[in-house]
C-alpha atoms as a PDB file:
ATOM      1  CA  UNK A   1       0.134  22.899  11.960  1.00  0.00           C
ATOM      2  CA  UNK A   2      -0.223  20.494  14.855  1.00  0.00           C
ATOM      3  CA  UNK A   3      -0.278  16.745  14.276  1.00  0.00           C
ATOM      4  CA  UNK A   4      -3.712  16.613  15.921  1.00  0.00           C
ATOM      5  CA  UNK A   5      -5.039  19.016  13.266  1.00  0.00           C
ATOM      6  CA  UNK A   6      -3.540  16.897  10.499  1.00  0.00           C
ATOM      7  CA  UNK A   7      -5.081  13.763  12.006  1.00  0.00           C
ATOM      8  CA  UNK A   8      -8.489  15.464  12.125  1.00  0.00           C
ATOM      9  CA  UNK A   9      -8.231  16.476   8.469  1.00  0.00           C
ATOM     10  CA  UNK A  10      -7.198  12.952   7.469  1.00  0.00           C
ATOM     11  CA  UNK A  11     -10.141  11.448   9.375  1.00  0.00           C
ATOM     12  CA  UNK A  12     -12.514  13.862   7.616  1.00  0.00           C
ATOM     13  CA  UNK A  13     -11.039  13.030   4.204  1.00  0.00           C
ATOM     14  CA  UNK A  14     -11.288   9.275   4.843  1.00  0.00           C
ATOM     15  CA  UNK A  15     -14.914   9.713   5.894  1.00  0.00           C
ATOM     16  CA  UNK A  16     -15.616  11.610   2.672  1.00  0.00           C
ATOM     17  CA  UNK A  17     -14.052   8.832   0.594  1.00  0.00           C
ATOM     18  CA  UNK A  18     -16.144   6.225   2.467  1.00  0.00           C
ATOM     19  CA  UNK A  19     -19.298   8.306   2.016  1.00  0.00           C
ATOM     20  CA  UNK A  20     -18.729   8.268  -1.747  1.00  0.00           C
ATOM     21  CA  UNK A  21     -17.798   4.569  -1.675  1.00  0.00           C
ATOM     22  CA  UNK A  22     -14.308   5.198  -2.948  1.00  0.00           C
ATOM     23  CA  UNK A  23     -11.965   2.477  -1.681  1.00  0.00           C
ATOM     24  CA  UNK A  24      -8.484   3.562  -0.701  1.00  0.00           C
ATOM     25  CA  UNK A  25      -5.555   1.137  -0.659  1.00  0.00           C
ATOM     26  CA  UNK A  26      -4.480  -0.239   2.729  1.00  0.00           C
ATOM     27  CA  UNK A  27      -1.505   2.104   3.043  1.00  0.00           C
ATOM     28  CA  UNK A  28      -3.953   5.023   3.278  1.00  0.00           C
ATOM     29  CA  UNK A  29      -4.596   3.895   6.856  1.00  0.00           C
ATOM     30  CA  UNK A  30      -0.964   3.522   7.914  1.00  0.00           C
ATOM     31  CA  UNK A  31       0.003   5.795  10.800  1.00  0.00           C
ATOM     32  CA  UNK A  32       3.321   7.671  10.945  1.00  0.00           C
ATOM     33  CA  UNK A  33       4.440   5.127  13.534  1.00  0.00           C
ATOM     34  CA  UNK A  34       3.562   2.263  11.186  1.00  0.00           C
ATOM     35  CA  UNK A  35       5.539   3.891   8.364  1.00  0.00           C
ATOM     36  CA  UNK A  36       8.571   4.290  10.646  1.00  0.00           C
ATOM     37  CA  UNK A  37       8.480   0.591  11.461  1.00  0.00           C
ATOM     38  CA  UNK A  38       8.573  -0.463   7.814  1.00  0.00           C
ATOM     39  CA  UNK A  39      11.662  -1.232   5.845  1.00  0.00           C
ATOM     40  CA  UNK A  40      12.279  -1.618   2.152  1.00  0.00           C
ATOM     41  CA  UNK A  41       8.719  -2.862   1.568  1.00  0.00           C
ATOM     42  CA  UNK A  42       7.518   0.752   1.804  1.00  0.00           C
ATOM     43  CA  UNK A  43      10.238   2.257  -0.389  1.00  0.00           C
ATOM     44  CA  UNK A  44       8.288   1.735  -3.604  1.00  0.00           C
ATOM     45  CA  UNK A  45       5.209   3.496  -2.251  1.00  0.00           C
ATOM     46  CA  UNK A  46       7.336   6.451  -1.201  1.00  0.00           C
ATOM     47  CA  UNK A  47       9.375   6.429  -4.439  1.00  0.00           C
ATOM     48  CA  UNK A  48       6.208   6.601  -6.524  1.00  0.00           C
ATOM     49  CA  UNK A  49       4.850   9.498  -4.460  1.00  0.00           C
ATOM     50  CA  UNK A  50       1.745   7.625  -3.372  1.00  0.00           C
ATOM     51  CA  UNK A  51      -0.260   8.506  -0.282  1.00  0.00           C
ATOM     52  CA  UNK A  52      -1.518  11.582   1.509  1.00  0.00           C
ATOM     53  CA  UNK A  53      -0.322  15.101   0.719  1.00  0.00           C
ATOM     54  CA  UNK A  54      -1.241  18.090   2.852  1.00  0.00           C
ATOM     55  CA  UNK A  55       0.048  21.592   2.179  1.00  0.00           C
ATOM     56  CA  UNK A  56      -0.727  25.223   2.860  1.00  0.00           C
ATOM     57  CA  UNK A  57       1.738  26.231   0.115  1.00  0.00           C
ATOM     58  CA  UNK A  58       3.901  27.930   2.744  1.00  0.00           C
ATOM     59  CA  UNK A  59       1.212  30.444   3.612  1.00  0.00           C
ATOM     60  CA  UNK A  60       0.524  29.231   7.129  1.00  0.00           C
ATOM     61  CA  UNK A  61      -3.256  29.202   6.654  1.00  0.00           C
ATOM     62  CA  UNK A  62      -4.355  25.726   5.605  1.00  0.00           C
ATOM     63  CA  UNK A  63      -8.070  26.393   6.075  1.00  0.00           C
ATOM     64  CA  UNK A  64      -7.926  29.316   3.669  1.00  0.00           C
ATOM     65  CA  UNK A  65      -5.421  28.177   1.053  1.00  0.00           C
ATOM     66  CA  UNK A  66      -4.542  24.565   1.861  1.00  0.00           C
ATOM     67  CA  UNK A  67      -4.952  21.362  -0.053  1.00  0.00           C
ATOM     68  CA  UNK A  68      -5.358  17.755   1.097  1.00  0.00           C
ATOM     69  CA  UNK A  69      -5.210  14.975  -1.469  1.00  0.00           C
ATOM     70  CA  UNK A  70      -4.512  11.284  -1.804  1.00  0.00           C
ATOM     71  CA  UNK A  71      -2.327  10.051  -4.649  1.00  0.00           C
ATOM     72  CA  UNK A  72      -3.215   6.492  -5.486  1.00  0.00           C
ATOM     73  CA  UNK A  73      -2.237   6.194  -9.128  1.00  0.00           C
ATOM     74  CA  UNK A  74       1.080   4.843 -10.282  1.00  0.00           C
ATOM     75  CA  UNK A  75       3.031   7.287 -12.417  1.00  0.00           C
ATOM     76  CA  UNK A  76       4.493   6.427 -15.807  1.00  0.00           C
ATOM     77  CA  UNK A  77       8.017   6.503 -14.354  1.00  0.00           C
ATOM     78  CA  UNK A  78       7.033   3.878 -11.775  1.00  0.00           C
ATOM     79  CA  UNK A  79       5.497   1.717 -14.484  1.00  0.00           C
ATOM     80  CA  UNK A  80       8.687   1.983 -16.525  1.00  0.00           C
ATOM     81  CA  UNK A  81      10.781   1.103 -13.489  1.00  0.00           C
ATOM     82  CA  UNK A  82       8.770  -2.115 -13.131  1.00  0.00           C
ATOM     83  CA  UNK A  83       7.230  -1.179  -9.794  1.00  0.00           C
ATOM     84  CA  UNK A  84       3.596  -1.540 -10.825  1.00  0.00           C
ATOM     85  CA  UNK A  85       3.212  -5.295 -10.243  1.00  0.00           C
ATOM     86  CA  UNK A  86       5.124  -5.172  -6.989  1.00  0.00           C
ATOM     87  CA  UNK A  87       2.939  -2.345  -5.659  1.00  0.00           C
ATOM     88  CA  UNK A  88      -0.235  -4.113  -6.724  1.00  0.00           C
ATOM     89  CA  UNK A  89       0.858  -7.229  -4.838  1.00  0.00           C
ATOM     90  CA  UNK A  90       1.647  -5.212  -1.703  1.00  0.00           C
ATOM     91  CA  UNK A  91      -1.346  -2.908  -1.745  1.00  0.00           C
ATOM     92  CA  UNK A  92      -4.075  -5.287  -2.812  1.00  0.00           C
ATOM     93  CA  UNK A  93      -6.980  -5.062  -5.204  1.00  0.00           C
ATOM     94  CA  UNK A  94      -7.569  -1.345  -4.539  1.00  0.00           C
ATOM     95  CA  UNK A  95      -4.604  -0.657  -6.811  1.00  0.00           C
ATOM     96  CA  UNK A  96      -5.884  -2.917  -9.596  1.00  0.00           C
ATOM     97  CA  UNK A  97      -7.052  -0.050 -11.811  1.00  0.00           C
ATOM     98  CA  UNK A  98      -3.806   1.897 -11.618  1.00  0.00           C
ATOM     99  CA  UNK A  99      -2.425   0.477 -14.838  1.00  0.00           C
ATOM    100  CA  UNK A 100      -5.548   1.389 -16.775  1.00  0.00           C
ATOM    101  CA  UNK A 101      -5.275   5.072 -15.934  1.00  0.00           C
ATOM    102  CA  UNK A 102      -8.478   5.189 -13.890  1.00  0.00           C
END
């Protein structure tokens, strides 16, 4: 899949979230170039598996069998590792409900 196709799908997903008034954390808008320029401050987001996921499950036909999702909830393992407060501070109020399981 071409990067331009991925970018189009991400724009459509972001528009859908906005349409339904669902606020995403700031890192949802970070470009690949922005991610590359970050250092350790982004490690926790990556370690916790947060952000966009796009897959066609190896089938090569995203539009038929693919999935695009955004993971914005902190997992139990991240909570146990003490990353929750650090992520909340970095990502802002959009992450505030992560500890409550919502």
